[in-house]
Amino acid sequence: MISVTNLSLLFPGRKLFEDINVKFIPGNCYGVIGANGAGKSTFLEILSGNLEATSGDVIIDKHSRMSVLKQNHYEFEEDSVIDTVIKGFPRLHQIMAEKDAIYSKEEFTDADGLKAAELEAEFAELDGWEAESNAAKLLIDLGISIENHQLLMKEIDEKAKVKVLIAQCLFGDPDILIMDEPTNGLDFKAINWLEDFLMDYEKTVIVVSHDRHFLNKVCTQMLDIDFKTAKLYPGNYDFWYESSKLMLQLSKDANKKKEQKIKELESFIARFSANASKSKQATSRKKSLEKIHLEDIQPSSRKYPFIDFSFDQHVGKEIITVENLSKKIEGKQVLKDVSFSVDKDDKIVLLGTELAQSTLFKILNGEIEPDSGSIKWGQTIKYDYLPANHNHFFESSEKNLVDWLREYSKDQTENFIRGFLGRMLFSGDEVLKKVSVLSGGEKMRLMFSKMMIKETNFLLLENPTNHLDLESIQSLNEGLIRFKGNLILTSHDYQFVQTITNKVVELTKEGSFYSKTSFEDYVNDEKIQNKIKKMNGEL
């Protein structure tokens, strides 16, 4: 158990949070949420002992072992993959090193024998004889094949390093897991495995994530850092989000009687209780939800941008047809025989390597030409493209937000532009900032402003949730569900993809695979996945 008492963190001229009191109990997974800058990652740093609070205490059971997900992907470059995982259990790794040092001595003394016996006893107690096989199983489950386990970390790619550090964090059955953005860089298969692992984990898990599907699936409680303090709520992210919205709605309606508010809340809680997650945690979560009272919930102080894509001209019968598209880059086959068409109401998720996805987007946008094949856009289609790297829109610009957005608007008046920016949470003197100094999240919101103001009926979106906070992701998700046009998107956000798209196009080494099934059915259909593996030469 972790007990946090009267925890405060003050910076010169700024209070991050104050008087946080919370207990983290084994058997629960806690999702830490809050607006950007609220102190989520900082709070985890304090819990893990890497940062000292201004005041207050963090008390951890002395017999508990804590494991923290490493953020530096290059910390273990000279270690083998398997050894990096075992280093996740420092005491066990230390014993292994001490044993090797003793047994490698040319002269073995009686004192060495006694020490070796002590180490062997502790080694067995810590399940040391199974260390390599347990580490190997974690790696294999995460998608790191056994032939790569003896490679040095510097010899594997970035995505594989992320998986190794996840395995390191989980190794040795720690009592407390602290994970900051554990799904970043993971493929959907690895994320699903991690979700299943944590759902069955019976110890204490504390996690920060922008992945709502992940938070919904694994979390039993949410710790909301808001109003410069933190409060625990039973349930997952969706329960917190929907209950917070409900309370905001009820608090605005002063004419409603308290009894009616309670009735609405009870109905809401009953609905969420009935849909508790399919895990060992479901029963305890349901009981917690049933005990919650009206005064236990308060509206969030967060602000959500209003993202809504509209257009004047509806699409005709012909939208876009792609036939036998191929492209090599620097001699490497990136796209091969890509074919698909888009029909009315289609919203497509594009799967494949990031290079293949980005190359296809650039071809669709007319930035580069294919080596062979054809693209035919319908006459009624007006499209816009959001590239993953959009810094070139801002880097050399000396314009402020108003003047920058005016370039894309039919209505050139300042009041209109300011009103539009206000919907995207840019207000007051903020709109006079130069666009070149905006943060990643602010640039993304401004790109969406550009796309909305241009009123296109077809959207090309390359990883549109990058750099966004949960509030913006939620608003974008809802806006794209409402969007009546067509779109093709890529994303690592499972819930985002599942709730928006209705078709799948996967780019493989041997061509494209087109499916009219839902994304969830697609990734869970073994026949489809085996076919994709064959097309990628994996079977």
Protein backbone atom coordinates (compact mmCIF):
# COMPACT_ATOMS: atom_id res chain seq x y z
CA MET A 1 0.00 0.00 0.00
CA ILE A 2 1.03 3.61 -0.61
CA SER A 3 -0.25 6.29 1.73
CA VAL A 4 -0.02 9.95 0.66
CA THR A 5 -0.60 12.51 3.39
CA ASN A 6 -0.87 16.31 3.07
CA LEU A 7 1.27 16.29 -0.06
CA SER A 8 2.05 19.70 -1.56
CA LEU A 9 4.36 20.92 -4.29
CA LEU A 10 5.05 24.63 -4.63
CA PHE A 11 7.21 26.35 -7.22
CA PRO A 12 8.28 30.00 -6.97
CA GLY A 13 5.14 31.98 -7.70
CA ARG A 14 3.09 28.88 -8.47
CA LYS A 15 1.25 26.19 -6.50
CA LEU A 16 1.04 22.94 -8.48
CA PHE A 17 -1.00 21.04 -5.91
CA GLU A 18 -1.63 21.14 -2.18
CA ASP A 19 -2.86 18.84 0.61
CA ILE A 20 -3.29 15.66 -1.42
CA ASN A 21 -4.44 12.80 0.79
CA VAL A 22 -4.95 9.43 -0.84
CA LYS A 23 -4.29 5.73 -0.26
CA PHE A 24 -3.43 3.30 -3.05
CA ILE A 25 -4.66 -0.17 -2.13
CA PRO A 26 -3.46 -3.49 -3.65
CA GLY A 27 -5.85 -5.01 -6.15
CA ASN A 28 -6.63 -1.69 -7.81
CA CYS A 29 -5.40 0.08 -10.92
CA TYR A 30 -5.43 3.86 -10.50
CA GLY A 31 -5.54 6.14 -13.53
CA VAL A 32 -4.09 9.59 -12.82
CA ILE A 33 -5.80 12.24 -14.95
CA GLY A 34 -5.73 16.03 -15.14
CA ALA A 35 -5.38 18.87 -17.60
CA ASN A 36 -1.98 19.57 -19.19
CA GLY A 37 0.23 21.16 -16.56
CA ALA A 38 -1.85 19.85 -13.64
CA GLY A 39 1.08 17.77 -12.42
CA LYS A 40 0.25 14.16 -13.35
CA SER A 41 3.78 13.07 -14.28
CA THR A 42 5.21 15.18 -11.45
CA PHE A 43 2.96 13.36 -8.99
CA LEU A 44 4.30 10.00 -10.24
CA GLU A 45 7.86 11.32 -9.87
CA ILE A 46 7.15 12.09 -6.20
CA LEU A 47 5.58 8.66 -5.60
CA SER A 48 8.59 6.93 -7.17
CA GLY A 49 11.04 8.93 -5.04
CA ASN A 50 12.64 10.80 -7.94
CA LEU A 51 11.31 14.17 -6.80
CA GLU A 52 10.90 15.63 -3.33
CA ALA A 53 7.62 17.32 -2.41
CA THR A 54 7.52 20.70 -0.72
CA SER A 55 5.66 19.16 2.20
CA GLY A 56 3.75 16.03 3.16
CA ASP A 57 4.62 12.35 3.23
CA VAL A 58 4.60 9.35 0.93
CA ILE A 59 4.70 6.16 3.00
CA ILE A 60 5.29 2.84 1.28
CA ASP A 61 5.18 -0.53 3.01
CA LYS A 62 8.83 -1.43 3.64
CA HIS A 63 8.27 -4.96 2.34
CA SER A 64 6.85 -3.71 -0.98
CA ARG A 65 8.94 -3.55 -4.14
CA MET A 66 8.17 -0.71 -6.53
CA SER A 67 8.85 -0.85 -10.24
CA VAL A 68 8.81 2.30 -12.38
CA LEU A 69 8.58 2.35 -16.17
CA LYS A 70 11.77 3.90 -17.52
CA GLN A 71 11.39 6.87 -19.86
CA ASN A 72 14.98 6.97 -21.17
CA HIS A 73 15.01 4.52 -24.06
CA TYR A 74 18.81 4.74 -24.36
CA GLU A 75 19.77 4.02 -20.75
CA PHE A 76 20.73 0.38 -21.39
CA GLU A 77 22.37 0.57 -24.81
CA GLU A 78 25.33 -1.67 -23.86
CA ASP A 79 23.18 -4.32 -22.13
CA SER A 80 21.56 -7.29 -23.81
CA VAL A 81 17.79 -7.29 -24.21
CA ILE A 82 17.30 -10.15 -21.72
CA ASP A 83 19.67 -8.59 -19.17
CA THR A 84 17.85 -5.25 -19.46
CA VAL A 85 14.60 -6.96 -18.49
CA ILE A 86 16.18 -8.71 -15.48
CA LYS A 87 17.57 -5.36 -14.32
CA GLY A 88 13.97 -4.50 -13.56
CA PHE A 89 14.47 -6.49 -10.35
CA PRO A 90 17.61 -4.74 -8.99
CA ARG A 91 18.22 -7.03 -6.02
CA LEU A 92 17.97 -10.19 -8.11
CA HIS A 93 20.29 -8.74 -10.74
CA GLN A 94 22.75 -7.71 -8.04
CA ILE A 95 22.76 -11.24 -6.60
CA MET A 96 23.42 -12.71 -10.05
CA ALA A 97 26.38 -10.36 -10.54
CA GLU A 98 27.80 -11.12 -7.08
CA LYS A 99 27.49 -14.86 -7.67
CA ASP A 100 29.27 -14.61 -11.01
CA ALA A 101 32.07 -12.57 -9.41
CA ILE A 102 32.60 -15.15 -6.64
CA TYR A 103 32.49 -18.19 -8.94
CA SER A 104 34.94 -16.58 -11.37
CA LYS A 105 37.63 -16.24 -8.69
CA GLU A 106 40.73 -18.32 -9.20
CA GLU A 107 41.08 -18.84 -5.43
CA PHE A 108 37.83 -19.77 -3.72
CA THR A 109 38.01 -19.23 0.07
CA ASP A 110 35.78 -20.52 2.87
CA ALA A 111 34.38 -16.99 3.24
CA ASP A 112 33.53 -17.06 -0.46
CA GLY A 113 31.74 -20.37 0.06
CA LEU A 114 29.64 -18.99 2.90
CA LYS A 115 28.79 -15.87 0.93
CA ALA A 116 27.91 -17.94 -2.14
CA ALA A 117 25.61 -20.14 -0.05
CA GLU A 118 23.80 -17.06 1.31
CA LEU A 119 23.43 -15.66 -2.17
CA GLU A 120 22.16 -18.96 -3.57
CA ALA A 121 19.49 -19.16 -0.86
CA GLU A 122 18.26 -15.63 -1.56
CA PHE A 123 18.53 -16.27 -5.30
CA ALA A 124 16.22 -19.29 -5.02
CA GLU A 125 13.83 -17.37 -2.77
CA LEU A 126 13.53 -14.63 -5.43
CA ASP A 127 12.78 -17.25 -8.13
CA GLY A 128 16.17 -16.62 -9.68
CA TRP A 129 16.38 -19.99 -11.42
CA GLU A 130 13.36 -18.99 -13.52
CA ALA A 131 14.57 -15.42 -14.14
CA GLU A 132 15.70 -15.83 -17.75
CA SER A 133 12.70 -17.92 -18.78
CA ASN A 134 10.28 -15.47 -17.09
CA ALA A 135 11.99 -12.51 -18.76
CA ALA A 136 11.93 -14.31 -22.12
CA LYS A 137 8.19 -15.04 -21.77
CA LEU A 138 7.42 -11.36 -21.15
CA LEU A 139 9.45 -10.37 -24.20
CA ILE A 140 7.80 -12.98 -26.44
CA ASP A 141 4.32 -11.99 -25.23
CA LEU A 142 5.13 -8.36 -26.15
CA GLY A 143 6.30 -9.38 -29.62
CA ILE A 144 10.11 -9.58 -29.20
CA SER A 145 11.16 -12.88 -30.80
CA ILE A 146 13.62 -15.14 -28.96
CA GLU A 147 16.40 -14.66 -31.54
CA ASN A 148 16.58 -11.00 -30.48
CA HIS A 149 16.92 -11.59 -26.73
CA GLN A 150 20.73 -11.67 -26.76
CA LEU A 151 21.10 -8.58 -28.94
CA LEU A 152 22.35 -5.38 -27.35
CA MET A 153 19.74 -2.71 -26.78
CA LYS A 154 21.57 -0.41 -29.22
CA GLU A 155 21.01 -3.04 -31.94
CA ILE A 156 17.19 -3.00 -31.78
CA ASP A 157 14.78 -0.36 -33.08
CA GLU A 158 12.88 2.23 -31.07
CA LYS A 159 9.59 0.33 -30.96
CA ALA A 160 11.32 -2.79 -29.67
CA LYS A 161 13.07 -0.75 -26.96
CA VAL A 162 9.69 0.46 -25.71
CA LYS A 163 8.54 -3.15 -25.36
CA VAL A 164 11.73 -4.19 -23.55
CA LEU A 165 11.27 -1.40 -20.99
CA ILE A 166 7.65 -2.47 -20.46
CA ALA A 167 8.89 -6.03 -19.82
CA GLN A 168 11.55 -4.66 -17.45
CA CYS A 169 8.91 -2.79 -15.45
CA LEU A 170 6.70 -5.89 -15.13
CA PHE A 171 9.51 -8.37 -14.41
CA GLY A 172 9.66 -10.14 -11.07
CA ASP A 173 6.06 -9.52 -9.98
CA PRO A 174 6.58 -6.14 -8.25
CA ASP A 175 4.15 -5.05 -5.53
CA ILE A 176 3.69 -1.57 -7.00
CA LEU A 177 3.75 -0.60 -10.67
CA ILE A 178 4.15 3.07 -11.66
CA MET A 179 3.75 3.66 -15.38
CA ASP A 180 3.78 7.00 -17.20
CA GLU A 181 2.26 6.67 -20.70
CA PRO A 182 2.93 2.92 -21.04
CA THR A 183 1.10 2.58 -24.39
CA ASN A 184 3.19 5.21 -26.21
CA GLY A 185 4.97 3.53 -29.09
CA LEU A 186 3.21 0.18 -28.66
CA ASP A 187 1.29 -1.52 -31.46
CA PHE A 188 -2.32 -2.55 -30.90
CA LYS A 189 -1.41 -6.20 -30.24
CA ALA A 190 1.08 -5.25 -27.51
CA ILE A 191 -1.41 -2.80 -25.98
CA ASN A 192 -4.07 -5.53 -25.84
CA TRP A 193 -1.61 -7.87 -24.13
CA LEU A 194 -0.64 -5.20 -21.57
CA GLU A 195 -4.32 -4.46 -20.88
CA ASP A 196 -5.03 -8.13 -20.20
CA PHE A 197 -1.93 -8.41 -18.01
CA LEU A 198 -2.89 -5.42 -15.85
CA MET A 199 -6.55 -6.44 -15.61
CA ASP A 200 -5.46 -9.66 -13.90
CA TYR A 201 -2.72 -8.02 -11.82
CA GLU A 202 -3.66 -8.28 -8.15
CA LYS A 203 -1.23 -5.73 -6.78
CA THR A 204 -1.09 -1.91 -7.02
CA VAL A 205 -0.91 -0.16 -10.40
CA ILE A 206 -0.70 3.64 -10.83
CA VAL A 207 -0.74 4.88 -14.41
CA VAL A 208 -0.85 8.10 -16.43
CA SER A 209 -2.14 7.68 -19.98
CA HIS A 210 -3.84 9.61 -22.78
CA ASP A 211 -5.26 6.33 -24.12
CA ARG A 212 -8.92 6.29 -23.05
CA HIS A 213 -9.51 2.69 -24.15
CA PHE A 214 -6.57 1.63 -21.98
CA LEU A 215 -7.84 3.65 -18.98
CA ASN A 216 -11.35 2.27 -19.43
CA LYS A 217 -10.20 -1.31 -19.64
CA VAL A 218 -7.67 -1.49 -16.79
CA CYS A 219 -8.60 1.17 -14.23
CA THR A 220 -10.77 0.55 -11.18
CA GLN A 221 -10.37 4.12 -9.89
CA MET A 222 -9.43 7.50 -11.31
CA LEU A 223 -7.34 10.04 -9.41
CA ASP A 224 -8.32 13.41 -10.81
CA ILE A 225 -5.79 16.20 -10.23
CA ASP A 226 -7.92 19.33 -10.42
CA PHE A 227 -8.52 22.50 -8.41
CA LYS A 228 -4.83 22.14 -7.29
CA THR A 229 -5.59 18.97 -5.34
CA ALA A 230 -6.51 15.36 -6.15
CA LYS A 231 -9.64 13.31 -5.61
CA LEU A 232 -10.36 9.62 -6.12
CA TYR A 233 -13.38 8.44 -8.13
CA PRO A 234 -14.47 4.80 -8.46
CA GLY A 235 -14.72 3.42 -11.97
CA ASN A 236 -12.87 4.02 -15.20
CA TYR A 237 -12.26 7.11 -17.34
CA ASP A 238 -15.64 7.04 -19.09
CA PHE A 239 -17.43 6.95 -15.74
CA TRP A 240 -15.44 9.96 -14.51
CA TYR A 241 -16.00 11.86 -17.78
CA GLU A 242 -19.73 11.18 -18.04
CA SER A 243 -20.41 11.79 -14.33
CA SER A 244 -18.46 15.06 -14.44
CA LYS A 245 -20.52 16.19 -17.46
CA LEU A 246 -23.73 15.19 -15.70
CA MET A 247 -22.84 17.14 -12.59
CA LEU A 248 -21.95 20.21 -14.67
CA GLN A 249 -25.32 19.98 -16.39
CA LEU A 250 -27.19 19.54 -13.09
CA SER A 251 -25.28 22.31 -11.33
CA LYS A 252 -26.21 24.76 -14.10
CA ASP A 253 -29.90 24.02 -13.66
CA ALA A 254 -30.68 25.64 -10.32
CA ASN A 255 -34.41 24.91 -10.64
CA LYS A 256 -34.03 21.15 -10.37
CA LYS A 257 -34.86 19.62 -7.04
CA LYS A 258 -32.13 17.68 -5.28
CA GLU A 259 -34.29 14.55 -5.30
CA GLN A 260 -34.53 14.67 -9.08
CA LYS A 261 -30.77 15.15 -9.35
CA ILE A 262 -30.20 12.14 -7.12
CA LYS A 263 -32.57 10.07 -9.26
CA GLU A 264 -30.67 10.99 -12.43
CA LEU A 265 -27.35 10.21 -10.79
CA GLU A 266 -28.57 6.84 -9.48
CA SER A 267 -29.82 5.91 -12.95
CA PHE A 268 -26.49 6.93 -14.44
CA ILE A 269 -24.46 4.94 -11.87
CA ALA A 270 -26.65 1.87 -12.33
CA ARG A 271 -25.99 1.94 -16.07
CA PHE A 272 -22.22 2.15 -15.58
CA SER A 273 -22.25 -0.47 -12.82
CA ALA A 274 -23.96 -2.92 -15.15
CA ASN A 275 -21.22 -2.39 -17.73
CA ALA A 276 -18.26 -2.82 -15.37
CA SER A 277 -15.09 -4.18 -16.98
CA LYS A 278 -14.76 -7.90 -17.71
CA SER A 279 -12.03 -8.65 -15.19
CA LYS A 280 -11.42 -9.84 -11.66
CA GLN A 281 -11.83 -6.21 -10.64
CA ALA A 282 -15.41 -5.97 -11.93
CA THR A 283 -17.18 -6.96 -8.69
CA SER A 284 -15.28 -4.50 -6.48
CA ARG A 285 -15.72 -1.73 -9.06
CA LYS A 286 -19.48 -2.34 -9.23
CA LYS A 287 -19.78 -2.17 -5.43
CA SER A 288 -17.76 1.06 -5.34
CA LEU A 289 -19.99 2.68 -7.94
CA GLU A 290 -23.13 1.69 -6.08
CA LYS A 291 -21.86 3.44 -2.94
CA ILE A 292 -21.11 6.77 -4.59
CA HIS A 293 -23.27 9.77 -3.57
CA LEU A 294 -24.20 13.04 -5.25
CA GLU A 295 -21.75 15.08 -3.19
CA ASP A 296 -18.92 12.71 -4.15
CA ILE A 297 -18.91 14.04 -7.71
CA GLN A 298 -18.05 17.56 -8.79
CA PRO A 299 -17.82 19.17 -12.22
CA SER A 300 -14.32 19.40 -13.67
CA SER A 301 -12.61 22.75 -14.11
CA ARG A 302 -11.26 21.60 -17.47
CA LYS A 303 -12.19 23.31 -20.71
CA TYR A 304 -12.91 21.36 -23.87
CA PRO A 305 -12.39 22.80 -27.36
CA PHE A 306 -15.39 22.67 -29.68
CA ILE A 307 -14.33 20.68 -32.72
CA ASP A 308 -16.92 20.38 -35.46
CA PHE A 309 -16.25 19.78 -39.16
CA SER A 310 -18.98 21.05 -41.50
CA PHE A 311 -19.22 21.64 -45.25
CA ASP A 312 -21.62 23.01 -47.87
CA GLN A 313 -21.17 20.60 -50.77
CA HIS A 314 -22.14 16.97 -50.16
CA VAL A 315 -20.20 14.19 -51.83
CA GLY A 316 -21.44 12.65 -55.07
CA LYS A 317 -21.37 9.05 -56.28
CA GLU A 318 -17.65 9.12 -57.06
CA ILE A 319 -15.43 9.89 -54.07
CA ILE A 320 -11.98 8.36 -54.59
CA THR A 321 -10.68 5.25 -56.32
CA VAL A 322 -7.10 4.02 -55.86
CA GLU A 323 -5.85 1.32 -58.25
CA ASN A 324 -2.58 -0.68 -58.17
CA LEU A 325 -0.57 2.11 -56.55
CA SER A 326 3.14 1.35 -56.05
CA LYS A 327 6.04 3.44 -54.78
CA LYS A 328 9.70 2.89 -54.01
CA ILE A 329 11.72 5.25 -51.81
CA GLU A 330 15.52 5.07 -52.03
CA GLY A 331 15.19 1.70 -53.73
CA LYS A 332 12.94 0.22 -51.05
CA GLN A 333 9.44 -0.96 -51.93
CA VAL A 334 7.17 1.06 -49.61
CA LEU A 335 3.83 0.63 -51.38
CA LYS A 336 2.90 -2.28 -53.66
CA ASP A 337 -0.33 -2.71 -55.62
CA VAL A 338 -2.47 -0.63 -53.27
CA SER A 339 -6.12 -0.66 -54.35
CA PHE A 340 -9.29 0.48 -52.60
CA SER A 341 -12.26 2.74 -53.12
CA VAL A 342 -14.24 5.00 -50.80
CA ASP A 343 -18.03 4.97 -50.78
CA LYS A 344 -20.49 7.37 -49.20
CA ASP A 345 -20.32 7.37 -45.36
CA ASP A 346 -16.97 5.49 -45.37
CA LYS A 347 -14.54 6.42 -42.64
CA ILE A 348 -11.37 4.40 -43.10
CA VAL A 349 -8.52 3.58 -40.74
CA LEU A 350 -5.22 3.04 -42.53
CA LEU A 351 -2.90 0.39 -41.03
CA GLY A 352 0.66 -0.59 -41.91
CA THR A 353 4.13 0.80 -41.33
CA GLU A 354 4.39 4.51 -40.58
CA LEU A 355 6.48 5.01 -43.73
CA ALA A 356 3.86 3.30 -45.89
CA GLN A 357 1.04 5.29 -44.31
CA SER A 358 2.83 8.62 -44.66
CA THR A 359 3.82 7.86 -48.27
CA LEU A 360 0.24 7.05 -49.25
CA PHE A 361 -1.03 10.23 -47.61
CA LYS A 362 1.52 12.32 -49.52
CA ILE A 363 0.50 10.68 -52.79
CA LEU A 364 -3.19 11.27 -52.07
CA ASN A 365 -2.39 14.91 -51.26
CA GLY A 366 -0.43 15.34 -54.51
CA GLU A 367 2.92 15.99 -52.81
CA ILE A 368 4.68 13.07 -54.49
CA GLU A 369 3.91 10.93 -57.54
CA PRO A 370 3.48 7.14 -57.45
CA ASP A 371 5.75 4.95 -59.56
CA SER A 372 2.69 3.26 -61.02
CA GLY A 373 -1.04 3.07 -60.49
CA SER A 374 -3.73 5.72 -60.43
CA ILE A 375 -5.86 7.90 -58.13
CA LYS A 376 -9.18 9.33 -59.19
CA TRP A 377 -10.88 11.92 -56.97
CA GLY A 378 -14.59 12.63 -57.46
CA GLN A 379 -15.53 16.06 -58.84
CA THR A 380 -17.50 16.98 -55.70
CA ILE A 381 -14.63 16.21 -53.33
CA LYS A 382 -12.80 18.96 -51.49
CA TYR A 383 -10.16 17.47 -49.22
CA ASP A 384 -7.67 18.68 -46.63
CA TYR A 385 -4.64 16.91 -45.16
CA LEU A 386 -3.25 16.94 -41.63
CA PRO A 387 0.33 15.56 -41.82
CA ALA A 388 1.96 14.00 -38.77
CA ASN A 389 4.77 16.53 -39.10
CA HIS A 390 3.16 19.94 -39.68
CA ASN A 391 5.92 22.16 -38.28
CA HIS A 392 6.51 23.72 -41.72
CA PHE A 393 3.17 25.51 -41.35
CA PHE A 394 4.58 27.45 -38.38
CA GLU A 395 8.40 27.51 -38.33
CA SER A 396 9.05 30.42 -40.66
CA SER A 397 5.85 32.34 -39.93
CA GLU A 398 5.96 35.64 -38.06
CA LYS A 399 2.18 35.91 -38.06
CA ASN A 400 -0.03 35.87 -34.99
CA LEU A 401 -2.89 33.37 -34.65
CA VAL A 402 -5.50 35.71 -36.12
CA ASP A 403 -3.51 36.57 -39.24
CA TRP A 404 -2.38 32.96 -39.72
CA LEU A 405 -5.93 31.57 -39.64
CA ARG A 406 -7.28 34.45 -41.78
CA GLU A 407 -5.37 33.01 -44.76
CA TYR A 408 -7.75 30.05 -44.84
CA SER A 409 -11.03 31.83 -44.12
CA LYS A 410 -13.71 33.20 -46.47
CA ASP A 411 -14.79 35.62 -43.73
CA GLN A 412 -11.80 37.90 -43.15
CA THR A 413 -13.22 39.94 -40.27
CA GLU A 414 -11.29 39.88 -37.00
CA ASN A 415 -14.42 39.23 -34.92
CA PHE A 416 -15.16 36.07 -36.88
CA ILE A 417 -11.57 34.79 -36.66
CA ARG A 418 -11.35 35.57 -32.93
CA GLY A 419 -14.67 33.83 -32.32
CA PHE A 420 -13.44 30.76 -34.18
CA LEU A 421 -10.21 30.71 -32.19
CA GLY A 422 -12.17 31.12 -28.96
CA ARG A 423 -14.00 27.86 -29.69
CA MET A 424 -10.55 26.24 -29.80
CA LEU A 425 -9.58 27.74 -26.41
CA PHE A 426 -7.48 30.62 -27.78
CA SER A 427 -8.78 33.80 -26.15
CA GLY A 428 -7.76 37.34 -25.17
CA ASP A 429 -4.16 38.26 -25.89
CA GLU A 430 -3.35 34.60 -26.67
CA VAL A 431 -4.52 35.15 -30.26
CA LEU A 432 -1.79 37.78 -30.73
CA LYS A 433 1.03 35.31 -30.03
CA LYS A 434 3.24 34.32 -32.93
CA VAL A 435 2.32 30.87 -34.21
CA SER A 436 6.00 29.87 -34.18
CA VAL A 437 6.08 29.82 -30.35
CA LEU A 438 3.03 27.58 -29.85
CA SER A 439 3.30 24.24 -28.07
CA GLY A 440 2.70 20.97 -29.89
CA GLY A 441 -0.86 20.72 -28.59
CA GLU A 442 -1.62 24.35 -29.49
CA LYS A 443 -0.30 23.87 -33.02
CA MET A 444 -2.52 20.82 -33.42
CA ARG A 445 -5.60 22.78 -32.27
CA LEU A 446 -4.73 25.52 -34.75
CA MET A 447 -4.41 22.95 -37.54
CA PHE A 448 -7.89 21.70 -36.71
CA SER A 449 -9.10 25.31 -36.80
CA LYS A 450 -7.68 25.59 -40.32
CA MET A 451 -9.41 22.38 -41.41
CA MET A 452 -12.74 23.40 -39.91
CA ILE A 453 -12.72 26.89 -41.39
CA LYS A 454 -11.98 25.52 -44.88
CA GLU A 455 -15.17 23.38 -44.75
CA THR A 456 -13.89 20.33 -46.66
CA ASN A 457 -15.94 17.15 -47.11
CA PHE A 458 -12.98 14.73 -47.07
CA LEU A 459 -10.32 14.63 -44.35
CA LEU A 460 -6.89 12.98 -44.49
CA LEU A 461 -5.69 12.72 -40.88
CA GLU A 462 -2.24 11.37 -40.02
CA ASN A 463 -2.04 10.59 -36.29
CA PRO A 464 -4.37 13.46 -35.32
CA THR A 465 -4.25 12.72 -31.58
CA ASN A 466 -0.50 13.37 -31.32
CA HIS A 467 0.37 16.09 -28.77
CA LEU A 468 -3.26 16.41 -27.65
CA ASP A 469 -4.47 16.25 -24.06
CA LEU A 470 -7.38 14.02 -23.08
CA GLU A 471 -9.85 16.90 -23.33
CA SER A 472 -8.88 17.69 -26.92
CA ILE A 473 -8.83 13.99 -27.86
CA GLN A 474 -12.34 13.58 -26.45
CA SER A 475 -13.61 16.64 -28.37
CA LEU A 476 -11.91 15.57 -31.61
CA ASN A 477 -13.32 12.06 -31.21
CA GLU A 478 -16.86 13.37 -30.80
CA GLY A 479 -16.41 15.85 -33.66
CA LEU A 480 -15.29 13.16 -36.11
CA ILE A 481 -18.15 10.87 -35.10
CA ARG A 482 -20.54 13.71 -36.02
CA PHE A 483 -18.69 14.50 -39.29
CA LYS A 484 -20.95 13.67 -42.26
CA GLY A 485 -18.16 13.55 -44.84
CA ASN A 486 -15.49 10.93 -45.55
CA LEU A 487 -12.11 10.46 -43.97
CA ILE A 488 -8.98 8.33 -43.94
CA LEU A 489 -7.00 8.38 -40.71
CA THR A 490 -4.15 6.74 -38.86
CA SER A 491 -3.96 6.57 -35.09
CA HIS A 492 -2.55 4.53 -32.20
CA ASP A 493 -5.64 5.33 -30.11
CA TYR A 494 -7.84 2.21 -30.05
CA GLN A 495 -11.03 3.92 -28.84
CA PHE A 496 -10.56 6.76 -31.30
CA VAL A 497 -10.30 4.36 -34.24
CA GLN A 498 -13.03 1.99 -33.07
CA THR A 499 -15.66 4.69 -32.47
CA ILE A 500 -15.01 6.68 -35.68
CA THR A 501 -14.12 4.30 -38.50
CA ASN A 502 -16.18 1.63 -40.27
CA LYS A 503 -13.65 0.26 -42.80
CA VAL A 504 -10.03 -0.89 -42.66
CA VAL A 505 -7.29 -0.65 -45.28
CA GLU A 506 -4.00 -2.32 -44.31
CA LEU A 507 -0.85 -1.72 -46.34
CA THR A 508 1.27 -4.89 -46.55
CA LYS A 509 4.40 -5.98 -48.39
CA GLU A 510 2.27 -7.75 -51.00
CA GLY A 511 -0.44 -5.14 -51.52
CA SER A 512 -3.36 -3.67 -49.63
CA PHE A 513 -5.99 -5.58 -47.67
CA TYR A 514 -9.44 -3.99 -47.63
CA SER A 515 -12.02 -4.96 -45.01
CA LYS A 516 -15.56 -3.74 -44.44
CA THR A 517 -15.61 -5.06 -40.88
CA SER A 518 -15.31 -2.97 -37.71
CA PHE A 519 -11.82 -2.25 -36.42
CA GLU A 520 -12.40 -4.35 -33.27
CA ASP A 521 -13.57 -7.36 -35.30
CA TYR A 522 -10.69 -6.85 -37.72
CA VAL A 523 -7.91 -6.97 -35.10
CA ASN A 524 -9.55 -9.91 -33.30
CA ASP A 525 -10.26 -12.05 -36.39
CA GLU A 526 -7.53 -14.74 -36.48
CA LYS A 527 -8.18 -15.62 -40.13
CA ILE A 528 -7.72 -12.00 -41.20
CA GLN A 529 -4.61 -11.56 -39.05
CA ASN A 530 -3.05 -14.75 -40.41
CA LYS A 531 -3.72 -13.52 -43.96
CA ILE A 532 -2.05 -10.19 -43.13
CA LYS A 533 0.96 -12.05 -41.70
CA LYS A 534 1.27 -14.08 -44.92
CA MET A 535 1.08 -10.90 -47.00
CA ASN A 536 3.87 -9.43 -44.83
CA GLY A 537 5.96 -12.60 -45.10
CA GLU A 538 5.61 -13.40 -41.39
CA LEU A 539 4.11 -16.89 -41.98
